[in-house]
Amino acid sequence: MLSRAADLARRLARNAEAVCRHYLSNGHREGRYWLVGDVANTRGRSLFVRLSGPDHGKGAAGKWTDYVASRVMLRSRDWALPCGPSTSFTQHNASTRGGA
């Protein structure tokens, strides 16, 4: 079963632009990437899908990144940390807050 899923993933990655044109039709090609708002196919420039590259590993075709999600995570982290310079001590305390 795993090899069938891996084979499907490789075939989709080899045809990343066609997959994006079909499922993310509100986006557009810009260089080596397909840009669209999000996985719900909204207009925008937050979700980047790599259209070409190796079958797997770093820089692989079909890999995607949603930059809004990472900005939300950074805002959440900044909110959780106390005011002032960020140190490994305060980061450690923030990460264990609400834990044990």
N, C-alpha and C. Protein backbone atom coordinates (compact mmCIF):
# COMPACT_ATOMS: atom_id res chain seq x y z
N MET A 1 0.82 -1.19 0.00
CA MET A 1 0.00 0.00 0.00
C MET A 1 0.87 1.25 0.00
N LEU A 2 1.93 1.26 0.80
CA LEU A 2 2.80 2.43 0.88
C LEU A 2 3.46 2.72 -0.46
N SER A 3 3.88 1.68 -1.17
CA SER A 3 4.54 1.92 -2.45
C SER A 3 3.55 2.48 -3.48
N ARG A 4 2.28 2.10 -3.38
CA ARG A 4 1.27 2.66 -4.28
C ARG A 4 1.06 4.14 -4.00
N ALA A 5 1.03 4.51 -2.72
CA ALA A 5 0.89 5.93 -2.34
C ALA A 5 2.11 6.73 -2.78
N ALA A 6 3.28 6.16 -2.59
CA ALA A 6 4.52 6.85 -3.00
C ALA A 6 4.55 7.01 -4.51
N ASP A 7 4.11 5.98 -5.23
CA ASP A 7 4.06 6.07 -6.69
C ASP A 7 3.09 7.15 -7.15
N LEU A 8 1.94 7.23 -6.51
CA LEU A 8 0.96 8.26 -6.84
C LEU A 8 1.54 9.65 -6.56
N ALA A 9 2.21 9.81 -5.43
CA ALA A 9 2.82 11.10 -5.08
C ALA A 9 3.86 11.51 -6.12
N ARG A 10 4.67 10.56 -6.58
CA ARG A 10 5.68 10.86 -7.62
C ARG A 10 5.02 11.27 -8.93
N ARG A 11 3.96 10.56 -9.31
CA ARG A 11 3.28 10.90 -10.57
C ARG A 11 2.62 12.27 -10.49
N LEU A 12 2.01 12.59 -9.36
CA LEU A 12 1.41 13.91 -9.19
C LEU A 12 2.48 15.00 -9.22
N ALA A 13 3.62 14.75 -8.58
CA ALA A 13 4.71 15.73 -8.56
C ALA A 13 5.25 15.98 -9.97
N ARG A 14 5.36 14.92 -10.77
CA ARG A 14 5.85 15.08 -12.15
C ARG A 14 4.91 15.93 -12.98
N ASN A 15 3.64 15.97 -12.60
CA ASN A 15 2.62 16.75 -13.31
C ASN A 15 2.08 17.87 -12.42
N ALA A 16 2.95 18.47 -11.61
CA ALA A 16 2.52 19.45 -10.61
C ALA A 16 1.76 20.62 -11.23
N GLU A 17 2.21 21.12 -12.37
CA GLU A 17 1.52 22.26 -12.96
C GLU A 17 0.10 21.90 -13.41
N ALA A 18 -0.07 20.74 -14.01
CA ALA A 18 -1.40 20.31 -14.44
C ALA A 18 -2.32 20.11 -13.22
N VAL A 19 -1.78 19.55 -12.15
CA VAL A 19 -2.56 19.35 -10.93
C VAL A 19 -2.98 20.70 -10.36
N CYS A 20 -2.04 21.66 -10.33
CA CYS A 20 -2.35 23.00 -9.81
C CYS A 20 -3.38 23.71 -10.69
N ARG A 21 -3.22 23.60 -12.01
CA ARG A 21 -4.18 24.25 -12.91
C ARG A 21 -5.60 23.72 -12.68
N HIS A 22 -5.71 22.43 -12.37
CA HIS A 22 -7.02 21.83 -12.15
C HIS A 22 -7.59 22.17 -10.77
N TYR A 23 -6.81 21.88 -9.70
CA TYR A 23 -7.32 22.01 -8.34
C TYR A 23 -7.13 23.39 -7.73
N LEU A 24 -6.16 24.15 -8.22
CA LEU A 24 -5.88 25.49 -7.69
C LEU A 24 -5.99 26.50 -8.83
N SER A 25 -7.11 26.47 -9.52
CA SER A 25 -7.30 27.24 -10.75
C SER A 25 -7.31 28.75 -10.55
N ASN A 26 -7.49 29.24 -9.33
CA ASN A 26 -7.44 30.67 -9.08
C ASN A 26 -6.01 31.19 -8.92
N GLY A 27 -5.04 30.32 -9.07
CA GLY A 27 -3.65 30.72 -8.97
C GLY A 27 -3.04 30.94 -10.34
N HIS A 28 -1.73 31.15 -10.35
CA HIS A 28 -1.01 31.35 -11.60
C HIS A 28 0.45 30.93 -11.42
N ARG A 29 1.07 30.67 -12.57
CA ARG A 29 2.48 30.30 -12.56
C ARG A 29 3.33 31.56 -12.46
N GLU A 30 4.34 31.50 -11.62
CA GLU A 30 5.31 32.58 -11.52
C GLU A 30 6.68 31.92 -11.35
N GLY A 31 7.44 31.90 -12.44
CA GLY A 31 8.73 31.22 -12.40
C GLY A 31 8.57 29.73 -12.21
N ARG A 32 9.23 29.18 -11.19
CA ARG A 32 9.17 27.75 -10.90
C ARG A 32 8.03 27.38 -9.96
N TYR A 33 7.16 28.35 -9.62
CA TYR A 33 6.14 28.11 -8.62
C TYR A 33 4.73 28.41 -9.13
N TRP A 34 3.74 27.76 -8.51
CA TRP A 34 2.33 28.09 -8.70
C TRP A 34 1.93 28.85 -7.44
N LEU A 35 1.36 30.04 -7.59
CA LEU A 35 0.96 30.86 -6.45
C LEU A 35 -0.56 30.96 -6.40
N VAL A 36 -1.10 30.76 -5.21
CA VAL A 36 -2.55 30.84 -4.98
C VAL A 36 -2.74 31.24 -3.52
N GLY A 37 -3.94 31.62 -3.15
CA GLY A 37 -4.20 32.06 -1.78
C GLY A 37 -4.06 30.98 -0.73
N ASP A 38 -4.68 29.82 -0.98
CA ASP A 38 -4.61 28.72 -0.02
C ASP A 38 -5.12 27.44 -0.67
N VAL A 39 -5.17 26.37 0.10
CA VAL A 39 -5.60 25.08 -0.45
C VAL A 39 -7.08 25.04 -0.78
N ALA A 40 -7.84 26.06 -0.34
CA ALA A 40 -9.27 26.16 -0.70
C ALA A 40 -9.44 26.89 -2.03
N ASN A 41 -8.35 27.18 -2.73
CA ASN A 41 -8.34 27.78 -4.06
C ASN A 41 -8.82 29.24 -4.06
N THR A 42 -8.56 29.96 -2.97
CA THR A 42 -8.89 31.38 -2.96
C THR A 42 -7.79 32.15 -3.69
N ARG A 43 -8.14 33.32 -4.17
CA ARG A 43 -7.15 34.15 -4.85
C ARG A 43 -6.16 34.68 -3.82
N GLY A 44 -4.93 34.84 -4.23
CA GLY A 44 -3.92 35.38 -3.32
C GLY A 44 -2.54 34.88 -3.69
N ARG A 45 -1.60 35.12 -2.78
CA ARG A 45 -0.21 34.77 -3.04
C ARG A 45 0.44 34.16 -1.79
N SER A 46 -0.28 33.39 -1.04
CA SER A 46 0.26 32.83 0.19
C SER A 46 0.80 31.41 0.01
N LEU A 47 0.15 30.62 -0.82
CA LEU A 47 0.53 29.22 -1.01
C LEU A 47 1.41 29.10 -2.25
N PHE A 48 2.61 28.55 -2.07
CA PHE A 48 3.56 28.34 -3.16
C PHE A 48 3.72 26.84 -3.39
N VAL A 49 3.57 26.39 -4.63
CA VAL A 49 3.79 24.98 -4.98
C VAL A 49 4.94 24.94 -5.97
N ARG A 50 5.98 24.15 -5.67
CA ARG A 50 7.12 24.03 -6.57
C ARG A 50 6.72 23.17 -7.76
N LEU A 51 6.93 23.68 -8.97
CA LEU A 51 6.48 22.98 -10.18
C LEU A 51 7.52 22.06 -10.79
N SER A 52 8.78 22.27 -10.50
CA SER A 52 9.81 21.41 -11.08
C SER A 52 10.87 21.13 -10.03
N GLY A 53 11.58 20.05 -10.25
CA GLY A 53 12.63 19.65 -9.32
C GLY A 53 12.75 18.15 -9.30
N PRO A 54 13.58 17.64 -8.40
CA PRO A 54 13.76 16.18 -8.30
C PRO A 54 12.49 15.50 -7.79
N ASP A 55 12.48 14.17 -7.86
CA ASP A 55 11.31 13.40 -7.41
C ASP A 55 11.09 13.46 -5.90
N HIS A 56 12.17 13.62 -5.14
CA HIS A 56 12.03 13.66 -3.68
C HIS A 56 13.18 14.46 -3.09
N GLY A 57 13.08 14.75 -1.81
CA GLY A 57 14.12 15.47 -1.11
C GLY A 57 14.00 16.98 -1.26
N LYS A 58 15.08 17.65 -0.91
CA LYS A 58 15.10 19.11 -0.94
C LYS A 58 14.86 19.63 -2.36
N GLY A 59 13.94 20.57 -2.49
CA GLY A 59 13.64 21.17 -3.79
C GLY A 59 12.78 20.32 -4.70
N ALA A 60 12.11 19.32 -4.14
CA ALA A 60 11.31 18.40 -4.96
C ALA A 60 10.08 19.09 -5.54
N ALA A 61 9.73 18.69 -6.74
CA ALA A 61 8.50 19.17 -7.38
C ALA A 61 7.31 18.72 -6.56
N GLY A 62 6.29 19.56 -6.49
CA GLY A 62 5.08 19.22 -5.75
C GLY A 62 5.11 19.64 -4.29
N LYS A 63 6.27 20.01 -3.77
CA LYS A 63 6.34 20.49 -2.38
C LYS A 63 5.65 21.85 -2.31
N TRP A 64 4.99 22.13 -1.20
CA TRP A 64 4.28 23.39 -1.07
C TRP A 64 4.53 24.02 0.29
N THR A 65 4.36 25.33 0.33
CA THR A 65 4.52 26.09 1.57
C THR A 65 3.41 27.13 1.63
N ASP A 66 2.77 27.24 2.77
CA ASP A 66 1.76 28.26 2.98
C ASP A 66 2.34 29.30 3.94
N TYR A 67 2.66 30.48 3.43
CA TYR A 67 3.32 31.49 4.24
C TYR A 67 2.41 32.15 5.26
N VAL A 68 1.11 32.13 5.07
CA VAL A 68 0.21 32.70 6.08
C VAL A 68 0.28 31.86 7.35
N ALA A 69 0.30 30.56 7.21
CA ALA A 69 0.35 29.68 8.39
C ALA A 69 1.60 29.96 9.21
N SER A 70 2.75 30.16 8.55
CA SER A 70 3.98 30.42 9.31
C SER A 70 3.91 31.79 9.98
N ARG A 71 3.29 32.79 9.35
CA ARG A 71 3.16 34.11 9.98
C ARG A 71 2.24 34.03 11.20
N VAL A 72 1.19 33.24 11.12
CA VAL A 72 0.29 33.08 12.26
C VAL A 72 1.03 32.43 13.41
N MET A 73 1.85 31.42 13.11
CA MET A 73 2.63 30.76 14.15
C MET A 73 3.59 31.74 14.80
N LEU A 74 4.26 32.58 14.01
CA LEU A 74 5.19 33.55 14.57
C LEU A 74 4.46 34.55 15.45
N ARG A 75 3.28 35.01 15.03
CA ARG A 75 2.50 35.95 15.85
C ARG A 75 2.11 35.28 17.17
N SER A 76 1.72 34.02 17.12
CA SER A 76 1.34 33.31 18.34
C SER A 76 2.52 33.18 19.28
N ARG A 77 3.69 32.89 18.72
CA ARG A 77 4.90 32.77 19.53
C ARG A 77 5.23 34.10 20.17
N ASP A 78 5.16 35.19 19.39
CA ASP A 78 5.47 36.51 19.92
C ASP A 78 4.51 36.90 21.03
N TRP A 79 3.24 36.51 20.89
CA TRP A 79 2.25 36.82 21.91
C TRP A 79 2.55 36.05 23.20
N ALA A 80 3.02 34.82 23.06
CA ALA A 80 3.24 33.97 24.23
C ALA A 80 4.48 34.36 25.00
N LEU A 81 5.46 34.95 24.33
CA LEU A 81 6.70 35.32 25.01
C LEU A 81 6.52 36.63 25.75
N PRO A 82 7.18 36.79 26.89
CA PRO A 82 7.09 38.05 27.62
C PRO A 82 7.75 39.17 26.83
N CYS A 83 7.40 40.40 27.16
CA CYS A 83 8.01 41.55 26.50
C CYS A 83 9.50 41.58 26.79
N GLY A 84 10.23 42.16 25.89
CA GLY A 84 11.67 42.27 26.08
C GLY A 84 12.40 41.34 25.16
N PRO A 85 13.73 41.36 25.26
CA PRO A 85 14.52 40.52 24.36
C PRO A 85 14.25 39.04 24.58
N SER A 86 14.23 38.32 23.49
CA SER A 86 13.97 36.89 23.56
C SER A 86 15.28 36.15 23.84
N THR A 87 15.28 35.33 24.84
CA THR A 87 16.46 34.52 25.15
C THR A 87 16.04 33.07 25.17
N SER A 88 17.03 32.18 25.17
CA SER A 88 16.70 30.77 25.21
C SER A 88 15.98 30.42 26.51
N PHE A 89 16.29 31.16 27.60
CA PHE A 89 15.63 30.91 28.87
C PHE A 89 14.13 31.23 28.77
N THR A 90 13.80 32.41 28.22
CA THR A 90 12.39 32.77 28.12
C THR A 90 11.67 31.88 27.11
N GLN A 91 12.36 31.49 26.05
CA GLN A 91 11.73 30.60 25.08
C GLN A 91 11.45 29.25 25.71
N HIS A 92 12.39 28.75 26.51
CA HIS A 92 12.19 27.48 27.19
C HIS A 92 10.98 27.59 28.13
N ASN A 93 10.91 28.69 28.91
CA ASN A 93 9.79 28.87 29.81
C ASN A 93 8.48 29.00 29.06
N ALA A 94 8.48 29.70 27.94
CA ALA A 94 7.25 29.84 27.16
C ALA A 94 6.81 28.51 26.61
N SER A 95 7.76 27.66 26.21
CA SER A 95 7.38 26.38 25.62
C SER A 95 6.89 25.40 26.67
N THR A 96 7.26 25.60 27.94
CA THR A 96 6.82 24.68 28.98
C THR A 96 5.64 25.24 29.76
N ARG A 97 5.21 26.45 29.43
CA ARG A 97 4.08 27.06 30.11
C ARG A 97 2.84 26.20 29.93
N GLY A 98 2.13 25.99 30.98
CA GLY A 98 0.90 25.21 30.91
C GLY A 98 1.16 23.70 30.86
N GLY A 99 2.42 23.32 30.93
CA GLY A 99 2.78 21.90 30.87
C GLY A 99 2.57 21.23 32.20
N ALA A 100 3.67 20.84 32.83
CA ALA A 100 3.60 20.12 34.09
C ALA A 100 3.38 21.04 35.25
